[in-house]
Amino acid sequence: MVARGGVGNPFLITQMDAWFRYGRRLPNPTVAQQIDWCMQLSDAVIKEKGEEVGVRKLRSIAPKFVAGCTRCKGNRRMLATVPTTRKELFDMLLEIKEGAGNETARSLGVGDAACVHEED
């Protein structure tokens, strides 16, 4: 289940390692960090699969990187349905990053608040 939890949260393994080695809980990454990781992954997927297939695949992966941030449901829906090119995908990610960049991404882990907004 760790692999599933790591989709959209590549920092999870680092957090788990710090907990089990040192008993320290590392803070969750910011939305800006999550977006940067998503963009790195996107470039790798598009390079491997080509733009058309890669972006289609990323429509199921990219929304997981913005779960737990402001307007998360709308952002996830947009990322899952709209982009057809790398440019569209990156424009959307940058727009999300500008809107919530320094906000800490929340997870559903112990002691964290779930993403609960009126639009959800």
N, C-alpha and C. Protein backbone atom coordinates (compact mmCIF):
# COMPACT_ATOMS: atom_id res chain seq x y z
N MET A 1 0.81 -1.19 0.00
CA MET A 1 0.00 0.00 0.00
C MET A 1 0.86 1.27 0.00
N VAL A 2 2.11 1.14 0.33
CA VAL A 2 2.97 2.32 0.30
C VAL A 2 3.07 2.85 -1.12
N ALA A 3 3.16 1.96 -2.09
CA ALA A 3 3.27 2.40 -3.47
C ALA A 3 2.05 3.21 -3.89
N ARG A 4 0.87 2.78 -3.49
CA ARG A 4 -0.34 3.54 -3.81
C ARG A 4 -0.33 4.90 -3.14
N GLY A 5 0.12 4.96 -1.90
CA GLY A 5 0.19 6.22 -1.18
C GLY A 5 1.20 7.17 -1.78
N GLY A 6 2.22 6.63 -2.42
CA GLY A 6 3.27 7.45 -3.01
C GLY A 6 2.87 8.09 -4.33
N VAL A 7 1.81 7.60 -4.95
CA VAL A 7 1.34 8.20 -6.20
C VAL A 7 0.77 9.57 -5.86
N GLY A 8 1.38 10.60 -6.38
CA GLY A 8 0.95 11.95 -6.08
C GLY A 8 1.60 12.51 -4.83
N ASN A 9 2.37 11.70 -4.12
CA ASN A 9 3.06 12.17 -2.92
C ASN A 9 4.41 11.47 -2.82
N PRO A 10 5.34 11.81 -3.71
CA PRO A 10 6.64 11.14 -3.69
C PRO A 10 7.44 11.39 -2.41
N PHE A 11 7.06 12.38 -1.62
CA PHE A 11 7.76 12.68 -0.37
C PHE A 11 7.36 11.71 0.75
N LEU A 12 6.33 10.93 0.52
CA LEU A 12 5.83 10.00 1.54
C LEU A 12 6.92 9.04 2.02
N ILE A 13 7.71 8.49 1.13
CA ILE A 13 8.76 7.54 1.51
C ILE A 13 9.79 8.23 2.41
N THR A 14 10.16 9.46 2.07
CA THR A 14 11.10 10.21 2.90
C THR A 14 10.51 10.45 4.29
N GLN A 15 9.23 10.78 4.34
CA GLN A 15 8.57 11.00 5.62
C GLN A 15 8.55 9.71 6.46
N MET A 16 8.24 8.60 5.82
CA MET A 16 8.19 7.32 6.53
C MET A 16 9.58 6.93 7.03
N ASP A 17 10.58 7.15 6.20
CA ASP A 17 11.95 6.82 6.59
C ASP A 17 12.37 7.63 7.83
N ALA A 18 12.08 8.92 7.83
CA ALA A 18 12.43 9.77 8.98
C ALA A 18 11.69 9.32 10.23
N TRP A 19 10.45 8.88 10.06
CA TRP A 19 9.68 8.43 11.22
C TRP A 19 10.27 7.15 11.81
N PHE A 20 10.53 6.18 10.96
CA PHE A 20 11.01 4.90 11.47
C PHE A 20 12.47 4.94 11.91
N ARG A 21 13.29 5.76 11.30
CA ARG A 21 14.70 5.85 11.70
C ARG A 21 14.91 6.74 12.93
N TYR A 22 14.25 7.88 12.93
CA TYR A 22 14.57 8.90 13.93
C TYR A 22 13.38 9.29 14.82
N GLY A 23 12.20 8.75 14.53
CA GLY A 23 11.02 9.12 15.31
C GLY A 23 10.57 10.55 15.06
N ARG A 24 10.97 11.12 13.93
CA ARG A 24 10.60 12.50 13.58
C ARG A 24 9.53 12.50 12.51
N ARG A 25 8.57 13.37 12.67
CA ARG A 25 7.55 13.53 11.64
C ARG A 25 7.90 14.75 10.81
N LEU A 26 8.21 14.54 9.56
CA LEU A 26 8.53 15.64 8.66
C LEU A 26 7.24 16.32 8.20
N PRO A 27 7.28 17.61 8.00
CA PRO A 27 6.07 18.31 7.53
C PRO A 27 5.73 17.89 6.11
N ASN A 28 4.46 18.00 5.78
CA ASN A 28 4.03 17.71 4.42
C ASN A 28 4.62 18.75 3.46
N PRO A 29 4.84 18.38 2.21
CA PRO A 29 5.39 19.32 1.23
C PRO A 29 4.37 20.41 0.90
N THR A 30 4.85 21.46 0.29
CA THR A 30 3.95 22.52 -0.16
C THR A 30 3.33 22.10 -1.50
N VAL A 31 2.28 22.79 -1.86
CA VAL A 31 1.64 22.52 -3.15
C VAL A 31 2.64 22.81 -4.28
N ALA A 32 3.46 23.84 -4.11
CA ALA A 32 4.47 24.17 -5.14
C ALA A 32 5.43 23.00 -5.34
N GLN A 33 5.86 22.36 -4.25
CA GLN A 33 6.75 21.20 -4.38
C GLN A 33 6.02 20.06 -5.09
N GLN A 34 4.78 19.83 -4.73
CA GLN A 34 4.00 18.77 -5.36
C GLN A 34 3.88 19.03 -6.87
N ILE A 35 3.61 20.27 -7.25
CA ILE A 35 3.48 20.64 -8.66
C ILE A 35 4.81 20.42 -9.38
N ASP A 36 5.91 20.82 -8.76
CA ASP A 36 7.23 20.61 -9.38
C ASP A 36 7.48 19.13 -9.63
N TRP A 37 7.16 18.29 -8.65
CA TRP A 37 7.34 16.84 -8.82
C TRP A 37 6.43 16.31 -9.93
N CYS A 38 5.22 16.82 -10.00
CA CYS A 38 4.30 16.39 -11.05
C CYS A 38 4.83 16.78 -12.43
N MET A 39 5.40 17.96 -12.53
CA MET A 39 5.95 18.40 -13.82
C MET A 39 7.15 17.55 -14.23
N GLN A 40 7.99 17.18 -13.27
CA GLN A 40 9.13 16.30 -13.58
C GLN A 40 8.63 14.94 -14.07
N LEU A 41 7.66 14.39 -13.37
CA LEU A 41 7.10 13.11 -13.77
C LEU A 41 6.44 13.22 -15.15
N SER A 42 5.73 14.31 -15.37
CA SER A 42 5.05 14.52 -16.65
C SER A 42 6.02 14.52 -17.81
N ASP A 43 7.14 15.23 -17.65
CA ASP A 43 8.14 15.25 -18.72
C ASP A 43 8.69 13.85 -18.99
N ALA A 44 8.91 13.07 -17.94
CA ALA A 44 9.43 11.70 -18.12
C ALA A 44 8.40 10.81 -18.82
N VAL A 45 7.15 10.92 -18.44
CA VAL A 45 6.09 10.09 -19.06
C VAL A 45 5.92 10.49 -20.52
N ILE A 46 5.89 11.79 -20.80
CA ILE A 46 5.72 12.25 -22.18
C ILE A 46 6.92 11.84 -23.03
N LYS A 47 8.11 11.89 -22.48
CA LYS A 47 9.30 11.46 -23.22
C LYS A 47 9.21 9.98 -23.57
N GLU A 48 8.72 9.17 -22.63
CA GLU A 48 8.64 7.73 -22.86
C GLU A 48 7.48 7.34 -23.76
N LYS A 49 6.31 7.95 -23.57
CA LYS A 49 5.09 7.52 -24.26
C LYS A 49 4.70 8.38 -25.45
N GLY A 50 5.31 9.55 -25.57
CA GLY A 50 4.87 10.51 -26.58
C GLY A 50 3.81 11.41 -25.97
N GLU A 51 3.60 12.57 -26.60
CA GLU A 51 2.72 13.57 -25.99
C GLU A 51 1.27 13.11 -25.89
N GLU A 52 0.72 12.59 -26.95
CA GLU A 52 -0.71 12.22 -26.93
C GLU A 52 -1.01 11.15 -25.87
N VAL A 53 -0.29 10.05 -25.91
CA VAL A 53 -0.52 8.96 -24.96
C VAL A 53 -0.08 9.38 -23.55
N GLY A 54 1.04 10.07 -23.46
CA GLY A 54 1.56 10.49 -22.16
C GLY A 54 0.61 11.41 -21.42
N VAL A 55 0.07 12.41 -22.09
CA VAL A 55 -0.86 13.34 -21.44
C VAL A 55 -2.14 12.61 -21.05
N ARG A 56 -2.59 11.69 -21.89
CA ARG A 56 -3.79 10.90 -21.54
C ARG A 56 -3.55 10.10 -20.26
N LYS A 57 -2.37 9.50 -20.15
CA LYS A 57 -2.01 8.76 -18.94
C LYS A 57 -1.92 9.67 -17.72
N LEU A 58 -1.37 10.84 -17.93
CA LEU A 58 -1.19 11.80 -16.83
C LEU A 58 -2.51 12.36 -16.31
N ARG A 59 -3.55 12.26 -17.10
CA ARG A 59 -4.86 12.74 -16.64
C ARG A 59 -5.36 11.94 -15.45
N SER A 60 -4.87 10.73 -15.27
CA SER A 60 -5.26 9.94 -14.10
C SER A 60 -4.25 10.09 -12.95
N ILE A 61 -3.04 10.55 -13.25
CA ILE A 61 -2.00 10.66 -12.23
C ILE A 61 -1.89 12.08 -11.66
N ALA A 62 -1.88 13.08 -12.52
CA ALA A 62 -1.67 14.47 -12.09
C ALA A 62 -2.66 14.94 -11.01
N PRO A 63 -3.94 14.57 -11.07
CA PRO A 63 -4.85 15.03 -10.01
C PRO A 63 -4.44 14.60 -8.61
N LYS A 64 -3.74 13.50 -8.48
CA LYS A 64 -3.32 13.02 -7.16
C LYS A 64 -2.27 13.93 -6.52
N PHE A 65 -1.56 14.69 -7.34
CA PHE A 65 -0.54 15.60 -6.83
C PHE A 65 -1.15 16.85 -6.19
N VAL A 66 -2.38 17.19 -6.50
CA VAL A 66 -3.00 18.39 -5.95
C VAL A 66 -4.14 18.07 -4.98
N ALA A 67 -4.26 16.81 -4.58
CA ALA A 67 -5.24 16.46 -3.57
C ALA A 67 -4.84 17.09 -2.25
N GLY A 68 -5.78 17.67 -1.56
CA GLY A 68 -5.49 18.25 -0.26
C GLY A 68 -5.05 19.69 -0.29
N CYS A 69 -5.38 20.41 -1.35
CA CYS A 69 -5.06 21.83 -1.39
C CYS A 69 -6.33 22.63 -1.66
N THR A 70 -6.22 23.92 -1.60
CA THR A 70 -7.37 24.79 -1.82
C THR A 70 -8.01 24.50 -3.17
N ARG A 71 -9.32 24.45 -3.18
CA ARG A 71 -10.09 24.16 -4.40
C ARG A 71 -9.66 22.83 -5.01
N CYS A 72 -9.36 21.86 -4.16
CA CYS A 72 -8.78 20.61 -4.64
C CYS A 72 -9.72 19.85 -5.58
N LYS A 73 -10.99 19.82 -5.30
CA LYS A 73 -11.90 19.05 -6.15
C LYS A 73 -11.96 19.63 -7.56
N GLY A 74 -12.09 20.93 -7.67
CA GLY A 74 -12.13 21.56 -8.99
C GLY A 74 -10.83 21.39 -9.75
N ASN A 75 -9.72 21.53 -9.05
CA ASN A 75 -8.41 21.34 -9.70
C ASN A 75 -8.23 19.91 -10.18
N ARG A 76 -8.61 18.95 -9.34
CA ARG A 76 -8.48 17.54 -9.74
C ARG A 76 -9.36 17.24 -10.95
N ARG A 77 -10.58 17.75 -10.93
CA ARG A 77 -11.50 17.51 -12.05
C ARG A 77 -10.93 18.11 -13.34
N MET A 78 -10.40 19.32 -13.25
CA MET A 78 -9.84 19.99 -14.41
C MET A 78 -8.65 19.19 -14.97
N LEU A 79 -7.75 18.75 -14.10
CA LEU A 79 -6.58 17.99 -14.55
C LEU A 79 -6.96 16.63 -15.13
N ALA A 80 -8.06 16.07 -14.68
CA ALA A 80 -8.48 14.74 -15.14
C ALA A 80 -9.24 14.78 -16.46
N THR A 81 -9.73 15.96 -16.85
CA THR A 81 -10.60 16.00 -18.03
C THR A 81 -10.15 16.93 -19.16
N VAL A 82 -9.41 17.98 -18.84
CA VAL A 82 -9.15 19.03 -19.83
C VAL A 82 -7.89 18.84 -20.68
N PRO A 83 -6.71 18.60 -20.10
CA PRO A 83 -5.49 18.71 -20.91
C PRO A 83 -5.38 17.65 -22.02
N THR A 84 -4.95 18.12 -23.17
CA THR A 84 -4.68 17.21 -24.29
C THR A 84 -3.25 17.37 -24.79
N THR A 85 -2.57 18.42 -24.34
CA THR A 85 -1.18 18.65 -24.73
C THR A 85 -0.35 18.94 -23.48
N ARG A 86 0.96 18.83 -23.61
CA ARG A 86 1.86 19.15 -22.50
C ARG A 86 1.69 20.59 -22.08
N LYS A 87 1.55 21.49 -23.04
CA LYS A 87 1.39 22.91 -22.72
C LYS A 87 0.13 23.15 -21.89
N GLU A 88 -0.98 22.56 -22.29
CA GLU A 88 -2.22 22.73 -21.51
C GLU A 88 -2.05 22.19 -20.09
N LEU A 89 -1.44 21.02 -19.97
CA LEU A 89 -1.22 20.42 -18.65
C LEU A 89 -0.35 21.33 -17.78
N PHE A 90 0.77 21.79 -18.34
CA PHE A 90 1.69 22.63 -17.56
C PHE A 90 1.07 23.99 -17.23
N ASP A 91 0.28 24.55 -18.15
CA ASP A 91 -0.41 25.82 -17.86
C ASP A 91 -1.35 25.65 -16.67
N MET A 92 -2.07 24.54 -16.63
CA MET A 92 -2.99 24.28 -15.52
C MET A 92 -2.22 24.09 -14.21
N LEU A 93 -1.14 23.33 -14.27
CA LEU A 93 -0.34 23.10 -13.07
C LEU A 93 0.25 24.41 -12.54
N LEU A 94 0.73 25.25 -13.44
CA LEU A 94 1.30 26.54 -13.01
C LEU A 94 0.23 27.45 -12.43
N GLU A 95 -0.98 27.40 -12.97
CA GLU A 95 -2.09 28.19 -12.42
C GLU A 95 -2.42 27.74 -10.99
N ILE A 96 -2.44 26.43 -10.78
CA ILE A 96 -2.69 25.88 -9.44
C ILE A 96 -1.55 26.29 -8.50
N LYS A 97 -0.33 26.21 -9.00
CA LYS A 97 0.85 26.56 -8.19
C LYS A 97 0.79 28.03 -7.76
N GLU A 98 0.39 28.91 -8.66
CA GLU A 98 0.29 30.34 -8.33
C GLU A 98 -0.78 30.57 -7.27
N GLY A 99 -1.88 29.83 -7.35
CA GLY A 99 -2.98 30.03 -6.43
C GLY A 99 -2.74 29.46 -5.04
N ALA A 100 -1.97 28.38 -4.95
CA ALA A 100 -1.81 27.72 -3.65
C ALA A 100 -0.38 27.28 -3.39
N GLY A 101 0.57 27.90 -4.04
CA GLY A 101 1.97 27.47 -4.00
C GLY A 101 2.59 27.21 -2.65
N ASN A 102 2.43 28.14 -1.69
CA ASN A 102 3.07 27.98 -0.39
C ASN A 102 2.19 27.26 0.62
N GLU A 103 0.98 26.95 0.22
CA GLU A 103 0.07 26.19 1.09
C GLU A 103 0.64 24.79 1.29
N THR A 104 0.54 24.28 2.48
CA THR A 104 1.01 22.92 2.74
C THR A 104 -0.02 21.93 2.23
N ALA A 105 0.44 20.97 1.46
CA ALA A 105 -0.45 19.94 0.97
C ALA A 105 -0.86 19.06 2.15
N ARG A 106 -2.13 18.80 2.27
CA ARG A 106 -2.61 17.97 3.37
C ARG A 106 -2.83 16.56 2.88
N SER A 107 -2.60 15.61 3.76
CA SER A 107 -2.88 14.21 3.46
C SER A 107 -3.94 13.73 4.42
N LEU A 108 -4.35 12.51 4.27
CA LEU A 108 -5.35 11.94 5.17
C LEU A 108 -4.71 11.10 6.25
N GLY A 109 -3.44 11.36 6.51
CA GLY A 109 -2.72 10.60 7.52
C GLY A 109 -3.13 10.97 8.93
N VAL A 110 -2.61 10.26 9.88
CA VAL A 110 -2.91 10.49 11.29
C VAL A 110 -2.51 11.91 11.66
N GLY A 111 -3.42 12.62 12.28
CA GLY A 111 -3.13 13.97 12.74
C GLY A 111 -3.29 15.04 11.68
N ASP A 112 -3.63 14.67 10.46
CA ASP A 112 -3.82 15.65 9.41
C ASP A 112 -5.30 15.87 9.17
N ALA A 113 -5.64 17.05 8.74
CA ALA A 113 -7.03 17.35 8.40
C ALA A 113 -7.29 16.90 6.97
N ALA A 114 -8.43 16.33 6.76
CA ALA A 114 -8.82 15.93 5.41
C ALA A 114 -9.18 17.18 4.62
N CYS A 115 -9.13 17.07 3.32
CA CYS A 115 -9.48 18.19 2.45
C CYS A 115 -10.99 18.32 2.44
N VAL A 116 -11.50 19.30 3.15
CA VAL A 116 -12.94 19.49 3.22
C VAL A 116 -13.23 20.93 2.86
N HIS A 117 -13.87 21.12 1.71
CA HIS A 117 -14.25 22.44 1.25
C HIS A 117 -15.71 22.40 0.87
N GLU A 118 -16.35 23.54 0.82
CA GLU A 118 -17.75 23.58 0.47
C GLU A 118 -18.03 22.99 -0.90
N GLU A 119 -17.11 23.19 -1.85
CA GLU A 119 -17.37 22.69 -3.20
C GLU A 119 -17.17 21.19 -3.32
N ASP A 120 -16.56 20.56 -2.31
CA ASP A 120 -16.37 19.10 -2.34
C ASP A 120 -17.67 18.48 -2.14
